[in-house]
Each structure stands twice: as C-alpha cells, then as structure tokens.
Amino acid sequence: MGMTRRRFSGTIAAGFLGGFAMPGIVLGRRPDDLVKIALVGVGGRGADNLGSVLKQEVVGLCDVDGIALENAAKRASHARTFRDFRRMFDEIHNQVDAVVVSTPDHTHAMIAHAAMELGKHVYCEKPLTHSIHEARVLAETAARKKVATQMGNGGHSSEATRRVVEIVRAGVIGPVREVHAWSDRPIWPQGVDRPADMPPVPGFLDWDAWLGPAPARAYNPAYHPFKWRGWWDFGTGALGDMGCHIIDASFWALDLGAPSSIEAESPPIKDHPDTAPAWSIVRYQFPAKGDRAAVKLTWYDGGKLPSAELFDGNPPGKGANGCLFVGEKGRLVVGTGKGGPRLLPEKDFADRKLPPATLPRSPGHHEEWLEACRNPARPTGTHFGYAGPLTEIVLLGNVALRAGRRIEWDAANMRVANGPLDDPYIRRDYRAGWTL
C-alpha cells in the first residue's frame, strides 16, 4: 500500500454501533473466545454485518459518512470510531483480530489487502473486488498470510444451495451443459449520463476518503449513497451486484473454473459510457473439465429472462432472481420465488427420490467465518481462493460488455487472447497516492 498517510504507510512497510450488551461472560462466551473485530463501512450492508458480529468484541468502527458512523456507534458503544480506515489500522491494529469490509466495490481491495498484510482475518462483501487483478492479489495475499477469509455471498452457506449442489452432482438431471441465471437488478439508475451539477459536499461526508483510489469526481447524490453501484468508477453494475449470489451454485456444483470466451448484448455502451447498461445478456462458454462436458452459462438482467419454454409454462416473474440448470434428463429451477427448487418436467420426477445430504452444513455465513478466525485451519465456504475466481467470472461479463465484442479469455496470463484490450476491469489505474 502506497497511501498518503505517513503513519499508515510506516505500519504496512516494516467504524459501528455495537449493541448495548457487554462483552465476555454476559454474551455467553469466555473473553478469550471472542473475536476482536473492526468494521470498515457501517451503513447499508455494513449495518447488517455489524448486527451479525455484535456478540463478538467490536473494537473499531469506520465510515466516511458521519451519519452512518454515529448510528453504528450507538449499537457498539465500546468501539472507537474513525473516518479513515488507514488511521484506524494505524492506531488500533494491535487490538484487532479481524476486519469486516462493507464499502463500495471500488475500495474493497485496498482495505482487505491492507488488513491481511497486518495479519487480520477478513470478511469482505461481494463482489470481492472491482478488478480481476485485485481478485488475484487478494487470493494470493490470503494464502500467503494464512488468514481466515469469507466473501459476503451468504446464500453459499444456506441449506438450499447445498441441496442444489448435491442434486446436480448426484446426476438427478443428468449431465449439465447449459445454465441460465437472471436478476431483477438494476434497482438503481443505469444507462444514464454523468450529472452536470456540482452541489456542495454534505458536512457529514468525507468525499475524498469516499473516492479512495477511484478517479477524482465532484460529489453528487447520484453516487452516494447506494446509487454508486451503476457507475463504472465505483460499482460493477447489476451483474457485479448479484452475479456472485446467483452464479455461485453452478460455479460450485459444476466446478466451472474460468470461462474460455464471453460475449455480451446490451444497449450501446457508447451512449452512456460512464454507467453499466440498462439491461444485458452475457453468454459465457466454459470448457470441458475432467468428466464434465463444456457448459454454456447465460446471464440476464434489466428485465431480460430465459425463454419461457424452459419453465414448462411457469416462468419466473420480472421481479425474480434465480437460475436454471439444463441437464440431459431434466431441468432444475432455483430461486424463482415460486416455491424454491423445482425439478422439470414435474411428471418425470414425481416419484424420484432425492440424493442424501453429502456436504457439510454451515452454522451460518458469519459464524462460519468467526469459527475460522478462531481456528484458521478450518476453511470457510467462500474463502478468497474460491471467491476470487467466482468474482472473475462476474467481472469478465463487464469486460465483454465494455469491449462490445466476443472476447477469448487467457486465464493463465490474465489477458484477452483475441486482440489487445485495455480494460479497467482486468487491471485498473488508481488515483495518485493509492497503489496495490
């Protein structure tokens, strides 16, 4: 990390409301069994993540938004509060075991990497990073530092996802060569122009710290809070927001690995170059692997959906998120909001006995990570060695969207093989004062 705060740089080189409960015995754990946690980003998902770790010892809360920080501090009254994560790491890193990162996508890698270099366990929201290079750096750092990591795609730890993986692996629907995945996102503006007005920065917000490594942009409420997801500078669009959730079951069940090619369809990116498009369809090709045949995975967002014929007359609604596995013997529909996983055609599976449970069950996404913090030899489900390659798939869809053409992916060399392509979702430039 080559950041501007001298004290933080020196440290690397050689902020939340915790409930009113007292740590230790009152919480039902011995004090030496509690994980000492600092949180960076405590509004939105950060507030939810804070609630999931309040029974631990929350020692630090950090947010560039003073309102979010104040609200968090009411819940974790024993924690120290900070507006800049570098200062927090400088001042209390010796008191911290683990760090939760719940900031916008463009700052995930910087914070998570800094924490791991200090030897801290890390829970980071999805997508893991803003670029493929960053995903690889985080996976390498986690392995080198031997810390417990987890990405925040909580559905991975659910019973439903495990049953899907078990059903597919048991061959109930036969060999799978096709997967469809869809989302109701975006639920924020995409396919829009950059705002021209320049309102003053609110007094509660440290805008320079919010920008972090991103290009310098004038403050605008079109970015913060929440709407940053649609802007290429800060977010990764609808695919980045939901892909790590919805593609996860197929990535796991089919051991997809890296795609060989990706092509995308959307409204012309050049019409609104600063944001992700209003809708997209992204087609991935995954090569054969071991005994598995090649797989085609298609992603849909912005109201686009797979053919209704695939659902035997009961297609998902436009407000749904889900995926469909197409096998030689049948289809498996997951997460459409119409009763959970369904085997199709229903008449063919009416008397089919499902396979027994074979995967270990999770105590919960956060608790699984907390257990690994206490015992790093116990792996989590979406440790960065798993989450990094899953995030790469998501980000490659954005590379294809912005390229406007089919791309062939050379995963070993982290480059597009069929012609040069300089894309920030492969390796991004950082604002002066920030390096990774």
Protein backbone atom coordinates (compact mmCIF):
# COMPACT_ATOMS: atom_id res chain seq x y z
CA MET A 1 0.00 0.00 0.00
CA GLY A 2 1.48 3.31 -1.04
CA MET A 3 -1.02 5.65 0.56
CA THR A 4 -0.52 9.19 1.66
CA ARG A 5 -0.96 8.86 5.41
CA ARG A 6 2.60 8.53 6.68
CA ARG A 7 1.76 6.65 9.86
CA PHE A 8 -0.25 4.04 8.00
CA SER A 9 2.42 3.61 5.33
CA GLY A 10 5.01 3.08 8.02
CA THR A 11 2.89 0.41 9.67
CA ILE A 12 2.45 -1.52 6.42
CA ALA A 13 6.03 -1.16 5.31
CA ALA A 14 8.48 -2.56 8.22
CA GLY A 15 -16.20 2.32 12.16
CA PHE A 16 -20.15 0.90 14.23
CA LEU A 17 -22.73 0.63 16.78
CA GLY A 18 -22.25 -2.40 18.92
CA GLY A 19 -25.29 -3.35 20.91
CA PHE A 20 -25.55 -2.38 24.47
CA ALA A 21 -24.53 -5.85 25.59
CA MET A 22 -21.26 -6.12 27.47
CA PRO A 23 -18.54 -8.34 26.03
CA GLY A 24 -17.39 -11.60 27.56
CA ILE A 25 -19.40 -13.54 30.15
CA VAL A 26 -22.61 -11.58 29.62
CA LEU A 27 -22.62 -12.70 25.98
CA GLY A 28 -22.18 -16.35 26.89
CA ARG A 29 -18.59 -16.69 25.70
CA ARG A 30 -15.32 -16.56 27.56
CA PRO A 31 -13.50 -13.28 26.86
CA ASP A 32 -10.60 -15.18 25.27
CA ASP A 33 -13.05 -16.83 22.82
CA LEU A 34 -14.35 -13.54 21.45
CA VAL A 35 -13.05 -12.29 18.11
CA LYS A 36 -11.92 -8.65 18.26
CA ILE A 37 -13.43 -7.04 15.18
CA ALA A 38 -13.07 -3.73 13.34
CA LEU A 39 -15.59 -2.80 10.66
CA VAL A 40 -14.96 -0.55 7.67
CA GLY A 41 -18.25 0.69 6.23
CA VAL A 42 -21.19 0.58 8.66
CA GLY A 43 -24.15 1.82 6.62
CA GLY A 44 -26.29 -0.38 4.35
CA ARG A 45 -24.77 -3.86 4.23
CA GLY A 46 -22.27 -2.70 6.84
CA ALA A 47 -25.08 -2.14 9.34
CA ASP A 48 -26.36 -5.67 8.64
CA ASN A 49 -22.88 -7.14 9.02
CA LEU A 50 -22.43 -5.28 12.29
CA GLY A 51 -25.57 -6.94 13.63
CA SER A 52 -24.11 -10.33 12.74
CA VAL A 53 -20.93 -9.79 14.79
CA LEU A 54 -22.24 -7.83 17.77
CA LYS A 55 -21.83 -10.81 20.10
CA GLN A 56 -18.09 -10.61 19.46
CA GLU A 57 -15.91 -7.78 20.73
CA VAL A 58 -16.33 -4.88 18.32
CA VAL A 59 -13.32 -2.62 18.88
CA GLY A 60 -13.36 -0.30 15.86
CA LEU A 61 -15.91 1.33 13.57
CA CYS A 62 -15.01 3.29 10.45
CA ASP A 63 -17.10 5.14 7.89
CA VAL A 64 -16.59 8.20 5.73
CA ASP A 65 -20.27 9.02 6.31
CA GLY A 66 -20.64 10.59 9.76
CA ILE A 67 -24.36 9.78 9.99
CA ALA A 68 -23.78 6.08 9.37
CA LEU A 69 -20.90 6.12 11.84
CA GLU A 70 -22.98 7.80 14.54
CA ASN A 71 -25.80 5.30 14.11
CA ALA A 72 -23.36 2.40 14.32
CA ALA A 73 -21.68 3.79 17.43
CA LYS A 74 -24.99 3.65 19.29
CA ARG A 75 -25.04 -0.11 18.78
CA ALA A 76 -21.37 -0.76 19.58
CA SER A 77 -20.74 1.81 22.24
CA HIS A 78 -17.41 0.33 23.35
CA ALA A 79 -15.82 0.67 19.91
CA ARG A 80 -13.57 3.52 18.86
CA THR A 81 -14.77 5.41 15.79
CA PHE A 82 -12.80 6.59 12.77
CA ARG A 83 -13.45 8.33 9.46
CA ASP A 84 -10.41 6.86 7.64
CA PHE A 85 -9.56 3.14 7.72
CA ARG A 86 -5.83 3.89 7.42
CA ARG A 87 -5.89 5.83 10.66
CA MET A 88 -7.90 3.08 12.34
CA PHE A 89 -5.38 0.43 11.26
CA ASP A 90 -2.55 2.69 12.41
CA GLU A 91 -3.95 3.30 15.87
CA ILE A 92 -5.65 0.06 16.92
CA HIS A 93 -4.30 -2.74 14.71
CA ASN A 94 -2.74 -4.40 17.77
CA GLN A 95 -6.24 -4.69 19.29
CA VAL A 96 -7.85 -6.24 16.17
CA ASP A 97 -8.14 -9.89 15.15
CA ALA A 98 -10.43 -9.49 12.15
CA VAL A 99 -11.85 -6.87 9.80
CA VAL A 100 -15.26 -6.68 8.07
CA VAL A 101 -15.26 -4.69 4.80
CA SER A 102 -18.66 -3.37 3.65
CA THR A 103 -17.72 -0.39 1.49
CA PRO A 104 -18.49 0.29 -2.20
CA ASP A 105 -16.83 -2.10 -4.65
CA HIS A 106 -14.01 0.23 -5.68
CA THR A 107 -12.44 0.24 -2.19
CA HIS A 108 -12.79 -3.45 -1.28
CA ALA A 109 -9.33 -4.50 -2.43
CA MET A 110 -7.42 -1.66 -0.79
CA ILE A 111 -8.97 -2.22 2.63
CA ALA A 112 -8.98 -6.03 2.57
CA HIS A 113 -5.37 -6.19 1.34
CA ALA A 114 -4.16 -3.75 4.00
CA ALA A 115 -5.92 -5.74 6.72
CA MET A 116 -4.46 -9.06 5.57
CA GLU A 117 -0.95 -7.62 5.34
CA LEU A 118 -1.38 -6.77 9.01
CA GLY A 119 -2.27 -10.42 9.63
CA LYS A 120 -6.00 -9.82 10.14
CA HIS A 121 -8.79 -12.18 9.13
CA VAL A 122 -11.15 -10.57 6.62
CA TYR A 123 -14.84 -10.76 5.73
CA CYS A 124 -15.48 -8.74 2.56
CA GLU A 125 -18.74 -8.01 0.80
CA LYS A 126 -19.35 -9.15 -2.76
CA PRO A 127 -18.16 -8.78 -5.41
CA LEU A 128 -14.81 -9.38 -3.81
CA THR A 129 -13.08 -6.71 -5.89
CA HIS A 130 -13.51 -4.13 -8.62
CA SER A 131 -10.97 -5.74 -10.99
CA ILE A 132 -9.64 -9.19 -11.86
CA HIS A 133 -6.10 -8.21 -10.90
CA GLU A 134 -7.35 -7.18 -7.45
CA ALA A 135 -9.14 -10.52 -7.02
CA ARG A 136 -5.92 -12.36 -7.71
CA VAL A 137 -3.95 -10.15 -5.33
CA LEU A 138 -6.44 -10.80 -2.51
CA ALA A 139 -6.45 -14.56 -3.11
CA GLU A 140 -2.64 -14.66 -3.11
CA THR A 141 -2.39 -12.49 -0.01
CA ALA A 142 -4.92 -14.58 1.93
CA ALA A 143 -3.00 -17.77 1.11
CA ARG A 144 0.37 -16.22 1.97
CA LYS A 145 -0.78 -14.72 5.27
CA LYS A 146 -2.81 -17.82 6.21
CA VAL A 147 -5.77 -15.77 7.43
CA ALA A 148 -9.44 -16.73 7.54
CA THR A 149 -11.44 -15.08 4.75
CA GLN A 150 -15.03 -15.05 3.56
CA MET A 151 -16.88 -13.17 0.82
CA GLY A 152 -20.35 -11.91 1.67
CA ASN A 153 -22.45 -14.07 -0.65
CA GLY A 154 -24.37 -15.54 2.25
CA GLY A 155 -26.50 -17.90 0.18
CA HIS A 156 -23.46 -20.14 -0.22
CA SER A 157 -23.90 -21.23 3.39
CA SER A 158 -27.61 -21.98 3.04
CA GLU A 159 -29.28 -25.37 3.09
CA ALA A 160 -30.92 -24.59 -0.26
CA THR A 161 -27.63 -24.06 -2.09
CA ARG A 162 -26.16 -27.24 -0.65
CA ARG A 163 -29.16 -29.24 -1.79
CA VAL A 164 -28.85 -27.82 -5.30
CA VAL A 165 -25.18 -28.80 -5.44
CA GLU A 166 -25.96 -32.30 -4.14
CA ILE A 167 -28.80 -32.82 -6.64
CA VAL A 168 -26.71 -31.70 -9.60
CA ARG A 169 -23.64 -33.69 -8.58
CA ALA A 170 -25.71 -36.81 -7.99
CA GLY A 171 -26.77 -36.73 -11.65
CA VAL A 172 -30.50 -36.41 -10.96
CA ILE A 173 -30.97 -34.26 -14.09
CA GLY A 174 -28.10 -35.87 -15.96
CA PRO A 175 -25.01 -34.14 -17.36
CA VAL A 176 -25.48 -30.37 -17.39
CA ARG A 177 -24.37 -28.44 -20.46
CA GLU A 178 -26.42 -25.29 -20.04
CA VAL A 179 -27.18 -22.86 -17.19
CA HIS A 180 -29.35 -19.73 -17.19
CA ALA A 181 -29.06 -17.10 -14.43
CA TRP A 182 -31.19 -13.96 -14.08
CA SER A 183 -31.67 -10.98 -11.78
CA ASP A 184 -34.23 -8.24 -11.22
CA ARG A 185 -31.37 -5.71 -10.96
CA PRO A 186 -30.68 -2.91 -11.57
CA ILE A 187 -32.87 -1.23 -8.98
CA TRP A 188 -30.76 1.93 -9.25
CA PRO A 189 -30.07 4.16 -12.31
CA GLN A 190 -28.05 2.59 -15.14
CA GLY A 191 -27.73 3.66 -18.74
CA VAL A 192 -27.64 7.33 -17.72
CA ASP A 193 -25.33 10.29 -18.25
CA ARG A 194 -22.97 11.69 -15.66
CA PRO A 195 -24.58 14.54 -13.68
CA ALA A 196 -23.52 18.04 -14.68
CA ASP A 197 -24.43 19.85 -11.47
CA MET A 198 -21.94 20.22 -8.62
CA PRO A 199 -23.75 20.54 -5.29
CA PRO A 200 -21.68 21.13 -2.15
CA VAL A 201 -20.36 18.12 -0.27
CA PRO A 202 -22.54 17.47 2.80
CA GLY A 203 -20.80 18.27 6.06
CA PHE A 204 -21.20 14.71 7.34
CA LEU A 205 -19.31 13.18 4.39
CA ASP A 206 -15.55 12.93 3.76
CA TRP A 207 -15.80 12.86 -0.03
CA ASP A 208 -12.08 12.47 -0.74
CA ALA A 209 -11.93 9.42 1.51
CA TRP A 210 -15.09 8.03 -0.13
CA LEU A 211 -13.42 8.29 -3.55
CA GLY A 212 -10.32 6.48 -2.32
CA PRO A 213 -8.50 5.02 -5.35
CA ALA A 214 -11.23 5.97 -7.85
CA PRO A 215 -10.84 8.84 -10.33
CA ALA A 216 -11.45 12.29 -8.90
CA ARG A 217 -15.13 13.18 -9.37
CA ALA A 218 -17.16 16.03 -7.99
CA TYR A 219 -19.54 14.97 -5.25
CA ASN A 220 -23.09 14.27 -6.37
CA PRO A 221 -26.01 12.44 -4.70
CA ALA A 222 -26.19 10.43 -7.93
CA TYR A 223 -23.27 8.43 -6.44
CA HIS A 224 -23.72 8.31 -2.67
CA PRO A 225 -25.50 6.64 -1.04
CA PHE A 226 -26.39 3.37 -2.84
CA LYS A 227 -26.58 4.61 -6.43
CA TRP A 228 -22.82 4.15 -6.86
CA ARG A 229 -23.46 0.54 -7.98
CA GLY A 230 -24.34 1.57 -11.52
CA TRP A 231 -21.26 3.76 -12.12
CA TRP A 232 -18.19 2.06 -13.60
CA ASP A 233 -15.89 4.23 -11.44
CA PHE A 234 -17.30 2.81 -8.21
CA GLY A 235 -19.52 -0.22 -8.83
CA THR A 236 -19.84 -3.22 -11.08
CA GLY A 237 -23.45 -2.89 -12.22
CA ALA A 238 -26.27 -5.39 -11.95
CA LEU A 239 -24.02 -8.33 -12.82
CA GLY A 240 -21.47 -7.32 -10.20
CA ASP A 241 -24.12 -6.86 -7.54
CA MET A 242 -25.93 -10.18 -7.98
CA GLY A 243 -23.67 -12.44 -10.01
CA CYS A 244 -21.70 -13.71 -7.02
CA HIS A 245 -25.00 -14.78 -5.46
CA ILE A 246 -26.82 -16.27 -8.43
CA ILE A 247 -23.93 -17.88 -10.34
CA ASP A 248 -22.44 -19.37 -7.17
CA ALA A 249 -24.46 -22.62 -7.15
CA SER A 250 -23.44 -23.50 -10.71
CA PHE A 251 -19.83 -22.44 -10.12
CA TRP A 252 -19.75 -24.80 -7.14
CA ALA A 253 -21.80 -27.71 -8.45
CA LEU A 254 -20.14 -27.86 -11.87
CA ASP A 255 -16.64 -26.74 -10.81
CA LEU A 256 -16.76 -24.26 -13.66
CA GLY A 257 -13.37 -22.63 -13.31
CA ALA A 258 -12.52 -19.88 -15.80
CA PRO A 259 -14.54 -19.30 -18.98
CA SER A 260 -12.87 -19.62 -22.39
CA SER A 261 -14.98 -16.95 -24.07
CA ILE A 262 -17.56 -14.31 -23.21
CA GLU A 263 -19.86 -12.18 -25.35
CA ALA A 264 -22.47 -9.67 -24.28
CA GLU A 265 -25.57 -7.99 -25.61
CA SER A 266 -26.90 -4.65 -24.30
CA PRO A 267 -27.92 -1.17 -25.39
CA PRO A 268 -24.89 0.61 -26.92
CA ILE A 269 -22.37 1.27 -24.14
CA LYS A 270 -21.08 4.33 -26.01
CA ASP A 271 -24.42 6.08 -25.48
CA HIS A 272 -23.83 6.19 -21.71
CA PRO A 273 -20.17 5.24 -21.21
CA ASP A 274 -19.96 6.05 -17.50
CA THR A 275 -22.56 3.54 -16.31
CA ALA A 276 -23.47 -0.07 -16.79
CA PRO A 277 -26.29 -0.57 -19.31
CA ALA A 278 -30.00 -0.60 -18.50
CA TRP A 279 -30.08 -4.31 -19.37
CA SER A 280 -27.70 -7.00 -20.50
CA ILE A 281 -27.44 -10.60 -21.64
CA VAL A 282 -24.00 -12.16 -21.19
CA ARG A 283 -23.03 -15.55 -22.64
CA TYR A 284 -20.13 -17.48 -21.15
CA GLN A 285 -18.51 -20.61 -22.56
CA PHE A 286 -16.74 -22.91 -20.08
CA PRO A 287 -14.52 -25.66 -21.50
CA ALA A 288 -14.90 -29.32 -20.62
CA LYS A 289 -13.21 -30.25 -17.36
CA GLY A 290 -12.49 -33.78 -16.16
CA ASP A 291 -15.65 -35.84 -16.73
CA ARG A 292 -17.79 -32.73 -17.23
CA ALA A 293 -18.74 -31.58 -20.71
CA ALA A 294 -18.44 -27.97 -21.82
CA VAL A 295 -21.03 -25.64 -20.26
CA LYS A 296 -22.74 -22.56 -21.63
CA LEU A 297 -23.92 -20.09 -18.96
CA THR A 298 -26.18 -17.17 -19.89
CA TRP A 299 -26.80 -14.18 -17.61
CA TYR A 300 -29.84 -11.86 -17.87
CA ASP A 301 -30.65 -8.60 -16.08
CA GLY A 302 -32.72 -5.45 -16.52
CA GLY A 303 -35.95 -7.35 -17.20
CA LYS A 304 -34.50 -9.88 -19.65
CA LEU A 305 -35.29 -13.55 -18.94
CA PRO A 306 -34.67 -17.01 -20.43
CA SER A 307 -37.19 -18.49 -22.84
CA ALA A 308 -40.50 -19.28 -21.10
CA GLU A 309 -40.46 -22.71 -22.78
CA LEU A 310 -37.69 -23.81 -20.42
CA PHE A 311 -40.07 -23.49 -17.44
CA ASP A 312 -42.95 -25.67 -18.64
CA GLY A 313 -45.45 -22.84 -18.56
CA ASN A 314 -44.45 -21.46 -15.15
CA PRO A 315 -41.69 -18.91 -15.90
CA PRO A 316 -40.21 -16.56 -13.30
CA GLY A 317 -41.67 -13.09 -12.94
CA LYS A 318 -39.69 -9.99 -13.81
CA GLY A 319 -39.05 -9.29 -10.13
CA ALA A 320 -37.33 -12.63 -9.58
CA ASN A 321 -33.74 -13.78 -9.19
CA GLY A 322 -32.75 -17.34 -9.94
CA CYS A 323 -31.03 -19.90 -12.10
CA LEU A 324 -31.92 -22.90 -14.22
CA PHE A 325 -29.75 -25.98 -14.79
CA VAL A 326 -30.49 -27.79 -18.06
CA GLY A 327 -29.45 -31.45 -17.96
CA GLU A 328 -29.85 -34.36 -20.36
CA LYS A 329 -32.55 -35.90 -18.13
CA GLY A 330 -34.34 -32.78 -16.96
CA ARG A 331 -34.04 -29.29 -15.52
CA LEU A 332 -33.61 -27.83 -12.05
CA VAL A 333 -35.06 -24.37 -11.32
CA VAL A 334 -33.70 -22.48 -8.32
CA GLY A 335 -34.81 -19.35 -6.51
CA THR A 336 -37.65 -18.06 -8.68
CA GLY A 337 -39.86 -17.14 -5.71
CA LYS A 338 -42.39 -19.79 -6.76
CA GLY A 339 -41.73 -22.42 -4.12
CA GLY A 340 -37.99 -22.98 -4.28
CA PRO A 341 -36.07 -25.61 -6.29
CA ARG A 342 -38.19 -27.49 -8.81
CA LEU A 343 -37.37 -30.44 -10.99
CA LEU A 344 -38.80 -30.29 -14.52
CA PRO A 345 -40.71 -31.80 -16.21
CA GLU A 346 -42.58 -32.37 -12.96
CA LYS A 347 -44.27 -35.54 -14.24
CA ASP A 348 -40.89 -37.16 -14.84
CA PHE A 349 -39.68 -36.51 -11.28
CA ALA A 350 -42.89 -37.01 -9.29
CA ASP A 351 -41.61 -40.21 -7.65
CA ARG A 352 -37.89 -39.51 -7.84
CA LYS A 353 -36.08 -39.90 -4.52
CA LEU A 354 -33.57 -37.11 -3.99
CA PRO A 355 -29.99 -37.92 -3.01
CA PRO A 356 -28.93 -37.85 0.64
CA ALA A 357 -27.02 -34.92 2.10
CA THR A 358 -23.31 -35.29 1.45
CA LEU A 359 -21.91 -31.79 2.03
CA PRO A 360 -21.11 -30.47 5.49
CA ARG A 361 -23.68 -27.98 6.77
CA SER A 362 -22.78 -24.42 7.76
CA PRO A 363 -23.56 -22.82 11.11
CA GLY A 364 -24.22 -19.59 9.20
CA HIS A 365 -22.16 -17.42 6.87
CA HIS A 366 -20.75 -15.09 9.52
CA GLU A 367 -20.43 -17.74 12.21
CA GLU A 368 -18.55 -20.00 9.80
CA TRP A 369 -16.02 -17.20 9.29
CA LEU A 370 -15.82 -16.45 13.01
CA GLU A 371 -15.07 -20.11 13.72
CA ALA A 372 -12.30 -19.96 11.12
CA CYS A 373 -10.92 -16.82 12.79
CA ARG A 374 -10.56 -18.86 15.99
CA ASN A 375 -9.14 -21.80 14.04
CA PRO A 376 -7.79 -20.74 10.59
CA ALA A 377 -7.18 -24.40 9.70
CA ARG A 378 -10.96 -24.73 9.38
CA PRO A 379 -11.84 -23.43 5.87
CA THR A 380 -14.82 -21.25 5.03
CA GLY A 381 -17.07 -21.83 2.04
CA THR A 382 -16.23 -18.66 0.13
CA HIS A 383 -12.65 -18.05 1.21
CA PHE A 384 -10.81 -15.75 -1.17
CA GLY A 385 -9.28 -18.67 -3.05
CA TYR A 386 -12.85 -19.58 -4.06
CA ALA A 387 -14.37 -16.09 -4.11
CA GLY A 388 -11.63 -14.64 -6.33
CA PRO A 389 -12.28 -16.92 -9.33
CA LEU A 390 -16.06 -16.53 -8.88
CA THR A 391 -15.65 -12.74 -8.89
CA GLU A 392 -13.50 -13.02 -12.04
CA ILE A 393 -16.42 -14.61 -13.90
CA VAL A 394 -18.67 -11.74 -12.92
CA LEU A 395 -16.14 -9.08 -13.89
CA LEU A 396 -15.39 -10.76 -17.22
CA GLY A 397 -19.01 -10.17 -18.17
CA ASN A 398 -18.39 -6.46 -17.68
CA VAL A 399 -15.19 -6.68 -19.74
CA ALA A 400 -17.21 -8.15 -22.62
CA LEU A 401 -19.93 -5.53 -22.21
CA ARG A 402 -17.44 -2.69 -22.45
CA ALA A 403 -15.43 -4.30 -25.24
CA GLY A 404 -18.53 -4.62 -27.40
CA ARG A 405 -17.29 -7.88 -28.89
CA ARG A 406 -16.71 -11.53 -28.13
CA ILE A 407 -13.58 -11.99 -26.06
CA GLU A 408 -11.45 -15.09 -25.60
CA TRP A 409 -10.04 -15.30 -22.09
CA ASP A 410 -6.49 -16.44 -21.32
CA ALA A 411 -6.88 -17.04 -17.59
CA ALA A 412 -3.31 -18.20 -17.02
CA ASN A 413 -1.93 -14.90 -18.28
CA MET A 414 -4.87 -12.72 -17.20
CA ARG A 415 -5.42 -11.27 -20.65
CA VAL A 416 -7.79 -11.22 -23.61
CA ALA A 417 -6.30 -13.59 -26.19
CA ASN A 418 -8.11 -12.43 -29.34
CA GLY A 419 -6.73 -8.94 -29.74
CA PRO A 420 -5.46 -6.31 -27.30
CA LEU A 421 -7.90 -4.90 -24.80
CA ASP A 422 -7.03 -2.40 -22.10
CA ASP A 423 -9.95 -2.65 -19.71
CA PRO A 424 -10.10 -1.38 -16.09
CA TYR A 425 -11.97 -4.50 -15.02
CA ILE A 426 -8.84 -6.51 -15.78
CA ARG A 427 -6.35 -4.11 -14.19
CA ARG A 428 -7.31 -0.61 -13.12
CA ASP A 429 -5.34 2.55 -12.59
CA TYR A 430 -5.51 4.23 -9.19
CA ARG A 431 -5.74 7.85 -8.20
CA ALA A 432 -2.46 9.43 -7.09
CA GLY A 433 -1.50 8.28 -3.60
CA TRP A 434 -3.07 4.80 -3.92
CA THR A 435 -1.38 1.58 -5.01
CA LEU A 436 -1.97 -2.13 -4.61
